[in-house]
N, C-alpha and C. Protein backbone atom coordinates (compact mmCIF):
# COMPACT_ATOMS: atom_id res chain seq x y z
N MET A 1 16.41 13.53 -1.47
CA MET A 1 17.69 13.12 -1.66
C MET A 1 17.65 12.05 -2.86
N PRO A 2 18.66 12.12 -3.55
CA PRO A 2 18.76 10.96 -4.98
C PRO A 2 19.26 9.93 -4.33
N VAL A 3 18.65 8.67 -4.78
CA VAL A 3 18.79 7.39 -4.92
C VAL A 3 19.64 6.77 -5.90
N ALA A 4 20.95 6.01 -5.95
CA ALA A 4 21.43 5.96 -6.84
C ALA A 4 20.82 4.05 -6.80
N THR A 5 20.31 3.76 -8.17
CA THR A 5 20.15 2.66 -8.53
C THR A 5 20.68 2.03 -9.57
N GLU A 6 21.55 0.45 -9.33
CA GLU A 6 22.13 -0.10 -10.49
C GLU A 6 21.12 -0.85 -11.42
N ILE A 7 21.82 -0.85 -12.90
CA ILE A 7 20.65 -1.54 -13.60
C ILE A 7 21.75 -2.42 -14.15
N ALA A 8 20.82 -3.13 -14.03
CA ALA A 8 21.79 -4.34 -15.04
C ALA A 8 21.48 -4.48 -16.30
N GLU A 9 20.54 -4.61 -16.73
CA GLU A 9 20.08 -4.55 -18.11
C GLU A 9 20.09 -3.19 -19.05
N PRO A 10 20.27 -2.99 -20.40
CA PRO A 10 19.83 -1.72 -20.68
C PRO A 10 18.51 -1.32 -21.02
N ILE A 11 18.17 -0.36 -20.91
CA ILE A 11 16.88 0.11 -20.95
C ILE A 11 16.34 0.17 -22.16
N THR A 12 15.33 0.06 -22.93
CA THR A 12 15.04 -0.02 -24.12
C THR A 12 13.76 0.68 -24.29
N ILE A 13 13.70 2.07 -25.12
CA ILE A 13 12.14 2.44 -24.97
C ILE A 13 11.80 2.25 -25.97
N ASP A 14 10.77 1.67 -26.12
CA ASP A 14 10.02 1.33 -27.45
C ASP A 14 8.24 1.81 -27.73
N ARG A 15 8.14 2.60 -26.93
CA ARG A 15 6.72 3.54 -26.96
C ARG A 15 7.14 4.51 -26.37
N PRO A 16 5.91 5.52 -26.59
CA PRO A 16 6.29 6.71 -26.23
C PRO A 16 6.29 6.49 -24.50
N MET A 17 7.01 7.73 -23.66
CA MET A 17 7.14 7.90 -22.20
C MET A 17 7.16 9.03 -22.03
N VAL A 18 6.90 9.17 -20.35
CA VAL A 18 6.81 10.44 -19.90
C VAL A 18 7.89 10.58 -18.58
N LEU A 19 8.44 11.33 -18.59
CA LEU A 19 9.74 11.25 -17.58
C LEU A 19 9.08 12.61 -16.15
N ILE A 20 9.07 12.42 -15.11
CA ILE A 20 8.67 13.04 -14.38
C ILE A 20 9.48 13.23 -12.97
N PRO A 21 9.95 14.34 -12.44
CA PRO A 21 10.55 14.17 -11.19
C PRO A 21 10.14 13.46 -10.24
N VAL A 22 11.09 12.89 -9.47
CA VAL A 22 10.18 11.88 -8.38
C VAL A 22 9.49 12.53 -7.30
N GLU A 23 9.46 13.81 -6.81
CA GLU A 23 8.74 14.25 -6.32
C GLU A 23 7.19 14.11 -6.45
N GLU A 24 7.21 14.41 -7.79
CA GLU A 24 5.91 14.76 -8.38
C GLU A 24 5.35 12.97 -8.49
N TYR A 25 6.25 12.45 -9.05
CA TYR A 25 5.93 10.98 -9.18
C TYR A 25 5.20 10.02 -7.41
N GLN A 26 5.79 10.78 -6.19
CA GLN A 26 5.66 10.35 -5.00
C GLN A 26 4.24 11.07 -4.82
N GLU A 27 3.96 12.02 -5.09
CA GLU A 27 2.70 12.66 -5.15
C GLU A 27 1.55 12.21 -5.50
N LEU A 28 1.97 11.89 -7.05
CA LEU A 28 0.91 10.77 -8.03
C LEU A 28 0.82 10.05 -6.81
N LEU A 29 1.43 8.96 -6.46
CA LEU A 29 1.02 7.66 -5.63
C LEU A 29 0.44 7.94 -4.48
N PHE A 30 0.76 9.27 -3.86
CA PHE A 30 -0.32 9.53 -2.80
C PHE A 30 -1.57 9.83 -2.95
N GLU A 31 -1.66 10.67 -4.19
CA GLU A 31 -3.23 10.99 -4.13
C GLU A 31 -3.99 10.07 -5.13
N ALA A 32 -3.24 8.67 -5.54
CA ALA A 32 -4.13 7.71 -5.75
C ALA A 32 -4.11 6.44 -4.80
N GLY A 33 -3.46 7.15 -3.44
CA GLY A 33 -3.67 5.99 -2.51
C GLY A 33 -2.87 4.81 -2.59
N HIS A 34 -1.35 4.84 -3.32
CA HIS A 34 -0.73 3.73 -3.61
C HIS A 34 0.82 3.94 -2.87
N LEU A 35 0.81 4.88 -1.43
CA LEU A 35 2.07 4.63 -0.78
C LEU A 35 1.77 3.59 0.48
N LYS A 36 2.95 3.48 0.58
CA LYS A 36 3.07 2.36 1.63
C LYS A 36 2.39 2.72 3.19
N THR A 37 1.95 2.00 3.68
CA THR A 37 1.67 2.07 5.05
C THR A 37 1.62 0.91 6.17
N PRO A 38 2.61 1.22 6.52
CA PRO A 38 3.47 0.18 7.18
C PRO A 38 2.23 -0.21 8.71
N VAL A 39 1.93 0.86 9.15
CA VAL A 39 0.77 0.61 10.56
C VAL A 39 -0.31 -0.09 10.00
N LEU A 40 -0.77 0.59 9.20
CA LEU A 40 -2.21 -0.21 8.61
C LEU A 40 -2.17 -1.77 8.20
N ASP A 41 -0.47 -1.91 7.56
CA ASP A 41 -0.43 -3.56 7.10
C ASP A 41 -0.13 -4.20 8.59
N ARG A 42 0.30 -3.58 9.03
CA ARG A 42 0.36 -4.39 10.92
C ARG A 42 -0.64 -4.60 11.31
N GLU A 43 -1.58 -3.68 11.61
CA GLU A 43 -3.35 -4.33 11.79
C GLU A 43 -3.73 -4.89 11.30
N ILE A 44 -3.73 -5.06 9.88
CA ILE A 44 -4.57 -6.06 8.93
C ILE A 44 -3.94 -7.28 9.27
N ALA A 45 -2.33 -7.30 9.23
CA ALA A 45 -1.85 -8.79 9.56
C ALA A 45 -2.63 -9.46 11.13
N ALA A 46 -2.62 -8.27 12.07
CA ALA A 46 -2.93 -8.79 13.27
C ALA A 46 -4.66 -9.19 13.03
N ALA A 47 -5.30 -8.48 12.49
CA ALA A 47 -6.77 -8.78 12.41
C ALA A 47 -7.09 -10.27 11.35
N ARG A 48 -5.81 -10.20 10.69
CA ARG A 48 -6.11 -11.98 9.97
C ARG A 48 -5.96 -12.88 11.06
N LYS A 49 -4.66 -12.56 11.56
CA LYS A 49 -4.50 -13.64 12.57
C LYS A 49 -5.22 -14.07 13.79
N ARG A 50 -5.70 -12.52 14.26
CA ARG A 50 -6.89 -13.05 15.41
C ARG A 50 -8.14 -13.86 14.66
N PHE A 51 -8.59 -13.55 13.24
CA PHE A 51 -9.61 -14.25 12.66
C PHE A 51 -9.17 -15.76 12.42
N LYS A 52 -7.85 -15.78 12.15
CA LYS A 52 -7.64 -17.20 11.70
C LYS A 52 -7.61 -18.00 13.31
N ASN A 53 -7.42 -17.25 14.19
CA ASN A 53 -7.56 -17.98 15.26
C ASN A 53 -8.80 -18.11 15.93
N GLY A 54 -9.60 -17.86 15.45
CA GLY A 54 -11.30 -17.42 16.13
C GLY A 54 -11.86 -16.73 17.02
N LYS A 55 -10.72 -16.00 17.10
CA LYS A 55 -11.06 -14.52 17.56
C LYS A 55 -11.77 -13.36 16.96
N VAL A 56 -13.23 -13.75 16.81
CA VAL A 56 -13.90 -12.95 16.41
C VAL A 56 -15.01 -12.02 16.97
N VAL A 57 -15.99 -11.07 16.55
CA VAL A 57 -17.05 -10.59 17.15
C VAL A 57 -18.15 -10.94 16.24
N ASP A 58 -19.35 -11.43 17.02
CA ASP A 58 -20.51 -11.97 16.27
C ASP A 58 -20.98 -10.74 15.90
N TRP A 59 -21.59 -11.26 14.76
CA TRP A 59 -22.59 -9.76 14.07
C TRP A 59 -23.54 -9.09 14.73
N LYS A 60 -24.24 -9.71 15.89
CA LYS A 60 -25.10 -9.00 16.74
C LYS A 60 -24.46 -7.90 17.96
N THR A 61 -23.39 -8.55 18.40
CA THR A 61 -22.82 -7.69 18.85
C THR A 61 -22.12 -6.02 18.37
N LEU A 62 -21.85 -6.54 16.92
CA LEU A 62 -21.40 -5.38 16.03
C LEU A 62 -22.16 -4.51 15.88
N ARG A 63 -23.55 -5.13 15.08
CA ARG A 63 -24.62 -4.58 14.77
C ARG A 63 -25.09 -3.30 16.03
N ASP A 64 -25.20 -4.00 17.16
CA ASP A 64 -25.28 -3.20 18.31
C ASP A 64 -24.45 -2.09 18.39
N GLU A 65 -23.24 -2.45 18.46
CA GLU A 65 -22.67 -1.32 18.84
C GLU A 65 -22.25 -0.12 17.90
N ILE A 66 -22.36 -0.60 16.39
CA ILE A 66 -22.75 0.64 15.61
C ILE A 66 -23.83 1.16 15.19
N GLY A 67 -25.07 0.51 15.40
CA GLY A 67 -26.23 0.91 15.10
C GLY A 67 -26.54 1.91 16.45
């Protein structure tokens, strides 16, 4: 579904440009790994908060669990 965007200033093209459909652009973002990942972002924020509060797993326990 097209999204209308208001442009406050005129766009000046002063070098070669490539125009592609938004679907192809989104596919390129996906293939490059640049899509938004809200669930992962929340998990990372929670992990950082736990780390900041000192809730960590010591290296020996982690090593024993994965080894």
